[in-house]
């Protein structure tokens, strides 16, 4: 992963049993999206730094600090494990404005070029 926005080379790591210990520094907004919610992107405010502990692919424990875009990506993925999507971080008003689009996505009424699974009803 490479992020031109912050001009840093990204990381490629396994995070097993990850736990965010602390979130700190100023919050900054950045447009986020998710493959589970195609064609919708909204600004989400997140802290600029996180400290976390995790096991690597060899099950060795690490405690490390991540910042900027790397912290944002980790936090977004961590949210998924906790059952949180980026739209849970936006205002209730914005969610209401997106209600129709979200309903269509949940019914499979979306044109995408990758496979999605929808709950059977």
N, C-alpha and C. Protein backbone atom coordinates (compact mmCIF):
# COMPACT_ATOMS: atom_id res chain seq x y z
N UNK A 1 0.85 -1.17 0.00
CA UNK A 1 0.00 0.00 0.00
C UNK A 1 0.89 1.23 0.00
N UNK A 2 0.56 2.20 -0.81
CA UNK A 2 1.28 3.46 -0.82
C UNK A 2 0.26 4.58 -0.80
N UNK A 3 0.43 5.52 0.06
CA UNK A 3 -0.49 6.63 0.17
C UNK A 3 0.21 7.91 -0.27
N UNK A 4 -0.18 8.42 -1.43
CA UNK A 4 0.40 9.67 -1.90
C UNK A 4 -0.06 10.84 -1.04
N UNK A 5 -1.24 10.71 -0.41
CA UNK A 5 -1.76 11.79 0.40
C UNK A 5 -0.81 12.16 1.52
N UNK A 6 -0.17 11.19 2.12
CA UNK A 6 0.75 11.48 3.22
C UNK A 6 2.20 11.26 2.81
N UNK A 7 2.41 10.81 1.57
CA UNK A 7 3.76 10.66 1.07
C UNK A 7 4.59 9.61 1.76
N UNK A 8 3.95 8.58 2.30
CA UNK A 8 4.67 7.53 3.00
C UNK A 8 4.38 6.19 2.36
N UNK A 9 5.34 5.33 2.44
CA UNK A 9 5.10 3.96 2.04
C UNK A 9 4.31 3.29 3.15
N UNK A 10 3.27 2.58 2.78
CA UNK A 10 2.41 1.93 3.76
C UNK A 10 3.04 0.66 4.31
N UNK A 11 2.27 -0.09 5.06
CA UNK A 11 2.76 -1.29 5.69
C UNK A 11 1.96 -2.49 5.20
N UNK A 12 2.53 -3.65 5.37
CA UNK A 12 1.85 -4.91 5.08
C UNK A 12 2.16 -5.82 6.25
N UNK A 13 1.15 -5.99 7.13
CA UNK A 13 1.35 -6.76 8.35
C UNK A 13 0.10 -7.55 8.66
N UNK A 14 0.30 -8.60 9.44
CA UNK A 14 -0.82 -9.35 10.01
C UNK A 14 -1.05 -8.82 11.42
N UNK A 15 -2.31 -8.61 11.77
CA UNK A 15 -2.67 -8.16 13.11
C UNK A 15 -3.62 -9.20 13.69
N UNK A 16 -3.12 -10.04 14.56
CA UNK A 16 -3.91 -11.09 15.19
C UNK A 16 -4.18 -10.69 16.63
N UNK A 17 -5.42 -10.89 17.08
CA UNK A 17 -5.82 -10.50 18.44
C UNK A 17 -5.47 -9.04 18.73
N UNK A 18 -5.68 -8.20 17.75
CA UNK A 18 -5.33 -6.79 17.87
C UNK A 18 -6.23 -6.08 18.88
N UNK A 19 -5.62 -5.14 19.59
CA UNK A 19 -6.37 -4.31 20.53
C UNK A 19 -5.81 -2.90 20.46
N UNK A 20 -6.67 -1.95 20.19
CA UNK A 20 -6.25 -0.56 20.21
C UNK A 20 -6.22 -0.12 21.66
N UNK A 21 -5.04 0.29 22.11
CA UNK A 21 -4.85 0.68 23.50
C UNK A 21 -5.18 2.14 23.74
N UNK A 22 -4.88 2.97 22.75
CA UNK A 22 -5.08 4.40 22.91
C UNK A 22 -5.20 5.06 21.55
N UNK A 23 -6.07 6.05 21.48
CA UNK A 23 -6.18 6.91 20.30
C UNK A 23 -5.85 8.31 20.77
N UNK A 24 -4.96 8.98 20.05
CA UNK A 24 -4.56 10.31 20.52
C UNK A 24 -4.16 11.20 19.35
N UNK A 25 -3.89 12.43 19.66
CA UNK A 25 -3.56 13.50 18.74
C UNK A 25 -4.87 14.07 18.18
N UNK A 26 -4.74 15.10 17.39
CA UNK A 26 -5.93 15.77 16.85
C UNK A 26 -6.68 14.87 15.87
N UNK A 27 -7.99 15.09 15.80
CA UNK A 27 -8.80 14.40 14.80
C UNK A 27 -8.68 15.13 13.48
N UNK A 28 -8.80 14.37 12.39
CA UNK A 28 -8.83 14.97 11.07
C UNK A 28 -9.82 14.19 10.22
N UNK A 29 -10.50 14.91 9.38
CA UNK A 29 -11.53 14.30 8.53
C UNK A 29 -10.91 13.87 7.20
N UNK A 30 -11.41 12.74 6.71
CA UNK A 30 -10.95 12.22 5.42
C UNK A 30 -12.08 11.39 4.84
N UNK A 31 -12.24 11.43 3.55
CA UNK A 31 -13.32 10.69 2.90
C UNK A 31 -13.02 9.19 2.93
N UNK A 32 -13.96 8.42 3.49
CA UNK A 32 -13.82 6.97 3.57
C UNK A 32 -14.96 6.30 2.83
N UNK A 33 -14.73 5.06 2.48
CA UNK A 33 -15.74 4.23 1.84
C UNK A 33 -15.53 2.79 2.24
N UNK A 34 -16.32 1.90 1.66
CA UNK A 34 -16.26 0.49 2.02
C UNK A 34 -16.83 -0.32 0.87
N UNK A 35 -16.21 -1.46 0.57
CA UNK A 35 -16.73 -2.33 -0.48
C UNK A 35 -18.14 -2.84 -0.14
N UNK A 36 -18.47 -2.92 1.14
CA UNK A 36 -19.79 -3.38 1.56
C UNK A 36 -20.88 -2.33 1.31
N UNK A 37 -20.47 -1.10 1.11
CA UNK A 37 -21.41 0.00 0.87
C UNK A 37 -20.92 0.75 -0.38
N UNK A 38 -21.08 0.14 -1.55
CA UNK A 38 -20.51 0.71 -2.78
C UNK A 38 -21.14 2.06 -3.16
N UNK A 39 -20.32 2.89 -3.77
CA UNK A 39 -20.71 4.19 -4.33
C UNK A 39 -21.07 5.23 -3.28
N UNK A 40 -20.79 4.97 -2.03
CA UNK A 40 -21.04 5.95 -0.98
C UNK A 40 -19.72 6.22 -0.26
N UNK A 41 -19.39 7.48 -0.17
CA UNK A 41 -18.18 7.91 0.53
C UNK A 41 -18.54 9.15 1.34
N UNK A 42 -18.03 9.23 2.55
CA UNK A 42 -18.31 10.37 3.42
C UNK A 42 -17.06 10.67 4.26
N UNK A 43 -16.95 11.92 4.67
CA UNK A 43 -15.86 12.31 5.57
C UNK A 43 -16.09 11.71 6.95
N UNK A 44 -15.03 11.11 7.48
CA UNK A 44 -15.04 10.54 8.83
C UNK A 44 -13.89 11.16 9.59
N UNK A 45 -14.16 11.63 10.80
CA UNK A 45 -13.10 12.19 11.66
C UNK A 45 -12.52 11.09 12.53
N UNK A 46 -11.21 10.99 12.52
CA UNK A 46 -10.49 10.01 13.33
C UNK A 46 -9.25 10.68 13.90
N UNK A 47 -8.77 10.15 15.02
CA UNK A 47 -7.54 10.68 15.59
C UNK A 47 -6.37 10.33 14.68
N UNK A 48 -5.33 11.13 14.76
CA UNK A 48 -4.19 10.97 13.86
C UNK A 48 -3.25 9.84 14.29
N UNK A 49 -3.35 9.38 15.55
CA UNK A 49 -2.43 8.34 16.03
C UNK A 49 -3.17 7.31 16.86
N UNK A 50 -2.68 6.09 16.79
CA UNK A 50 -3.18 5.02 17.66
C UNK A 50 -2.00 4.22 18.19
N UNK A 51 -2.20 3.65 19.35
CA UNK A 51 -1.24 2.71 19.92
C UNK A 51 -1.99 1.40 20.06
N UNK A 52 -1.39 0.31 19.59
CA UNK A 52 -2.07 -0.97 19.67
C UNK A 52 -1.11 -2.09 19.99
N UNK A 53 -1.70 -3.17 20.50
CA UNK A 53 -0.92 -4.38 20.69
C UNK A 53 -1.56 -5.45 19.82
N UNK A 54 -0.73 -6.36 19.34
CA UNK A 54 -1.20 -7.39 18.43
C UNK A 54 -0.17 -8.50 18.35
N UNK A 55 -0.62 -9.62 17.82
CA UNK A 55 0.30 -10.71 17.51
C UNK A 55 0.54 -10.71 16.01
N UNK A 56 1.77 -11.04 15.62
CA UNK A 56 2.09 -11.14 14.20
C UNK A 56 1.78 -12.55 13.69
N UNK A 57 2.16 -12.83 12.47
CA UNK A 57 1.86 -14.14 11.86
C UNK A 57 2.57 -15.30 12.56
N UNK A 58 3.57 -15.00 13.39
CA UNK A 58 4.26 -16.02 14.19
C UNK A 58 3.74 -16.05 15.63
N UNK A 59 2.65 -15.35 15.87
CA UNK A 59 2.01 -15.25 17.18
C UNK A 59 2.91 -14.61 18.25
N UNK A 60 3.82 -13.76 17.81
CA UNK A 60 4.64 -12.98 18.74
C UNK A 60 3.95 -11.65 18.99
N UNK A 61 3.92 -11.22 20.26
CA UNK A 61 3.24 -9.98 20.65
C UNK A 61 4.08 -8.76 20.32
N UNK A 62 3.40 -7.71 19.90
CA UNK A 62 4.03 -6.42 19.62
C UNK A 62 3.14 -5.32 20.18
N UNK A 63 3.75 -4.22 20.56
CA UNK A 63 3.03 -3.01 20.90
C UNK A 63 3.65 -1.91 20.06
N UNK A 64 2.81 -1.22 19.29
CA UNK A 64 3.34 -0.29 18.31
C UNK A 64 2.40 0.90 18.13
N UNK A 65 2.97 2.01 17.71
CA UNK A 65 2.21 3.22 17.43
C UNK A 65 2.16 3.43 15.92
N UNK A 66 0.97 3.80 15.43
CA UNK A 66 0.78 4.08 14.01
C UNK A 66 0.17 5.47 13.88
N UNK A 67 0.48 6.15 12.78
CA UNK A 67 -0.06 7.49 12.61
C UNK A 67 -0.58 7.72 11.21
N UNK A 68 -1.24 8.85 11.06
CA UNK A 68 -1.76 9.37 9.81
C UNK A 68 -2.60 8.33 9.06
N UNK A 69 -2.32 8.13 7.78
CA UNK A 69 -3.15 7.27 6.95
C UNK A 69 -3.10 5.81 7.42
N UNK A 70 -1.94 5.37 7.88
CA UNK A 70 -1.82 3.99 8.37
C UNK A 70 -2.74 3.78 9.57
N UNK A 71 -2.78 4.73 10.49
CA UNK A 71 -3.67 4.63 11.65
C UNK A 71 -5.12 4.62 11.21
N UNK A 72 -5.45 5.43 10.23
CA UNK A 72 -6.82 5.51 9.73
C UNK A 72 -7.25 4.18 9.12
N UNK A 73 -6.41 3.59 8.29
CA UNK A 73 -6.75 2.32 7.65
C UNK A 73 -6.91 1.22 8.70
N UNK A 74 -5.99 1.17 9.65
CA UNK A 74 -6.08 0.16 10.72
C UNK A 74 -7.37 0.35 11.50
N UNK A 75 -7.69 1.60 11.86
CA UNK A 75 -8.90 1.87 12.64
C UNK A 75 -10.15 1.48 11.85
N UNK A 76 -10.18 1.76 10.56
CA UNK A 76 -11.32 1.38 9.72
C UNK A 76 -11.51 -0.14 9.72
N UNK A 77 -10.42 -0.88 9.55
CA UNK A 77 -10.51 -2.35 9.54
C UNK A 77 -10.85 -2.88 10.93
N UNK A 78 -10.29 -2.28 11.95
CA UNK A 78 -10.60 -2.67 13.34
C UNK A 78 -12.08 -2.48 13.62
N UNK A 79 -12.64 -1.38 13.12
CA UNK A 79 -14.07 -1.13 13.28
C UNK A 79 -14.89 -2.30 12.72
N UNK A 80 -14.49 -2.83 11.57
CA UNK A 80 -15.23 -3.95 10.97
C UNK A 80 -15.30 -5.14 11.94
N UNK A 81 -14.19 -5.42 12.60
CA UNK A 81 -14.16 -6.53 13.56
C UNK A 81 -15.14 -6.27 14.70
N UNK A 82 -15.29 -5.00 15.06
CA UNK A 82 -16.19 -4.61 16.13
C UNK A 82 -17.64 -4.43 15.65
N UNK A 83 -17.89 -4.69 14.36
CA UNK A 83 -19.24 -4.56 13.81
C UNK A 83 -19.64 -3.14 13.48
N UNK A 84 -18.65 -2.28 13.26
CA UNK A 84 -18.90 -0.86 12.98
C UNK A 84 -18.49 -0.57 11.55
N UNK A 85 -19.33 0.18 10.83
CA UNK A 85 -19.02 0.62 9.47
C UNK A 85 -18.76 2.12 9.48
N UNK A 86 -18.14 2.62 8.42
CA UNK A 86 -17.81 4.04 8.40
C UNK A 86 -19.06 4.91 8.51
N UNK A 87 -20.21 4.44 8.04
CA UNK A 87 -21.43 5.25 8.13
C UNK A 87 -21.91 5.40 9.57
N UNK A 88 -21.41 4.54 10.45
CA UNK A 88 -21.75 4.69 11.87
C UNK A 88 -21.04 5.90 12.49
N UNK A 89 -20.07 6.44 11.78
CA UNK A 89 -19.32 7.60 12.27
C UNK A 89 -19.84 8.92 11.70
N UNK A 90 -20.83 8.87 10.82
CA UNK A 90 -21.35 10.11 10.25
C UNK A 90 -22.61 10.54 11.00
N UNK A 91 -23.02 11.76 10.78
CA UNK A 91 -24.16 12.30 11.52
C UNK A 91 -25.46 11.58 11.15
N UNK A 92 -26.42 11.64 12.06
CA UNK A 92 -27.73 11.03 11.81
C UNK A 92 -28.40 11.66 10.60
N UNK A 93 -28.21 12.95 10.41
CA UNK A 93 -28.78 13.64 9.26
C UNK A 93 -28.22 13.08 7.95
N UNK A 94 -26.90 12.92 7.89
CA UNK A 94 -26.30 12.36 6.67
C UNK A 94 -26.79 10.94 6.42
N UNK A 95 -26.93 10.15 7.48
CA UNK A 95 -27.46 8.78 7.32
C UNK A 95 -28.89 8.80 6.79
N UNK A 96 -29.70 9.74 7.30
CA UNK A 96 -31.08 9.85 6.80
C UNK A 96 -31.09 10.23 5.32
N UNK A 97 -30.18 11.11 4.93
CA UNK A 97 -30.10 11.52 3.52
C UNK A 97 -29.68 10.35 2.62
N UNK A 98 -28.92 9.42 3.18
CA UNK A 98 -28.45 8.25 2.42
C UNK A 98 -29.38 7.04 2.53
N UNK A 99 -30.48 7.17 3.29
CA UNK A 99 -31.35 6.04 3.61
C UNK A 99 -31.80 5.28 2.36
N UNK A 100 -32.23 5.98 1.33
CA UNK A 100 -32.69 5.32 0.11
C UNK A 100 -31.59 4.52 -0.57
N UNK A 101 -30.41 5.11 -0.68
CA UNK A 101 -29.29 4.41 -1.30
C UNK A 101 -28.89 3.19 -0.48
N UNK A 102 -28.87 3.34 0.85
CA UNK A 102 -28.50 2.22 1.72
C UNK A 102 -29.54 1.10 1.62
N UNK A 103 -30.82 1.46 1.54
CA UNK A 103 -31.88 0.46 1.40
C UNK A 103 -31.70 -0.31 0.08
N UNK A 104 -31.42 0.41 -1.01
CA UNK A 104 -31.20 -0.26 -2.30
C UNK A 104 -30.02 -1.21 -2.24
N UNK A 105 -28.93 -0.79 -1.61
CA UNK A 105 -27.75 -1.65 -1.49
C UNK A 105 -28.11 -2.91 -0.71
N UNK A 106 -28.86 -2.75 0.39
CA UNK A 106 -29.22 -3.92 1.21
C UNK A 106 -30.12 -4.89 0.47
N UNK A 107 -30.83 -4.41 -0.55
CA UNK A 107 -31.70 -5.27 -1.36
C UNK A 107 -31.00 -5.80 -2.60
N UNK A 108 -29.72 -5.44 -2.76
CA UNK A 108 -28.96 -5.91 -3.92
C UNK A 108 -29.18 -5.08 -5.16
N UNK A 109 -29.83 -3.95 -5.03
CA UNK A 109 -30.08 -3.07 -6.17
C UNK A 109 -28.91 -2.10 -6.33
N UNK A 110 -27.78 -2.67 -6.74
CA UNK A 110 -26.57 -1.87 -6.90
C UNK A 110 -25.75 -2.48 -8.03
N UNK A 111 -25.17 -1.63 -8.86
CA UNK A 111 -24.38 -2.08 -9.99
C UNK A 111 -22.89 -2.00 -9.63
N UNK A 112 -22.28 -3.16 -9.40
CA UNK A 112 -20.86 -3.23 -9.03
C UNK A 112 -20.19 -4.33 -9.84
N UNK A 113 -18.87 -4.30 -9.89
CA UNK A 113 -18.16 -5.30 -10.67
C UNK A 113 -17.44 -6.32 -9.79
N UNK A 114 -17.97 -6.55 -8.60
CA UNK A 114 -17.47 -7.60 -7.72
C UNK A 114 -18.67 -8.27 -7.05
N UNK A 115 -18.45 -9.45 -6.53
CA UNK A 115 -19.53 -10.22 -5.92
C UNK A 115 -19.86 -9.74 -4.52
N UNK A 116 -21.14 -9.66 -4.23
CA UNK A 116 -21.59 -9.34 -2.87
C UNK A 116 -22.60 -10.39 -2.45
N UNK A 117 -22.61 -10.69 -1.17
CA UNK A 117 -23.60 -11.61 -0.62
C UNK A 117 -24.58 -10.81 0.21
N UNK A 118 -25.84 -11.14 0.06
CA UNK A 118 -26.89 -10.46 0.78
C UNK A 118 -27.60 -11.48 1.68
N UNK A 119 -28.02 -11.04 2.85
CA UNK A 119 -28.73 -11.97 3.74
C UNK A 119 -30.01 -12.47 3.07
N UNK A 120 -30.29 -13.75 3.24
CA UNK A 120 -31.53 -14.29 2.70
C UNK A 120 -32.68 -13.82 3.58
N UNK A 121 -33.78 -13.58 2.96
CA UNK A 121 -34.95 -13.06 3.71
C UNK A 121 -36.06 -14.05 3.67
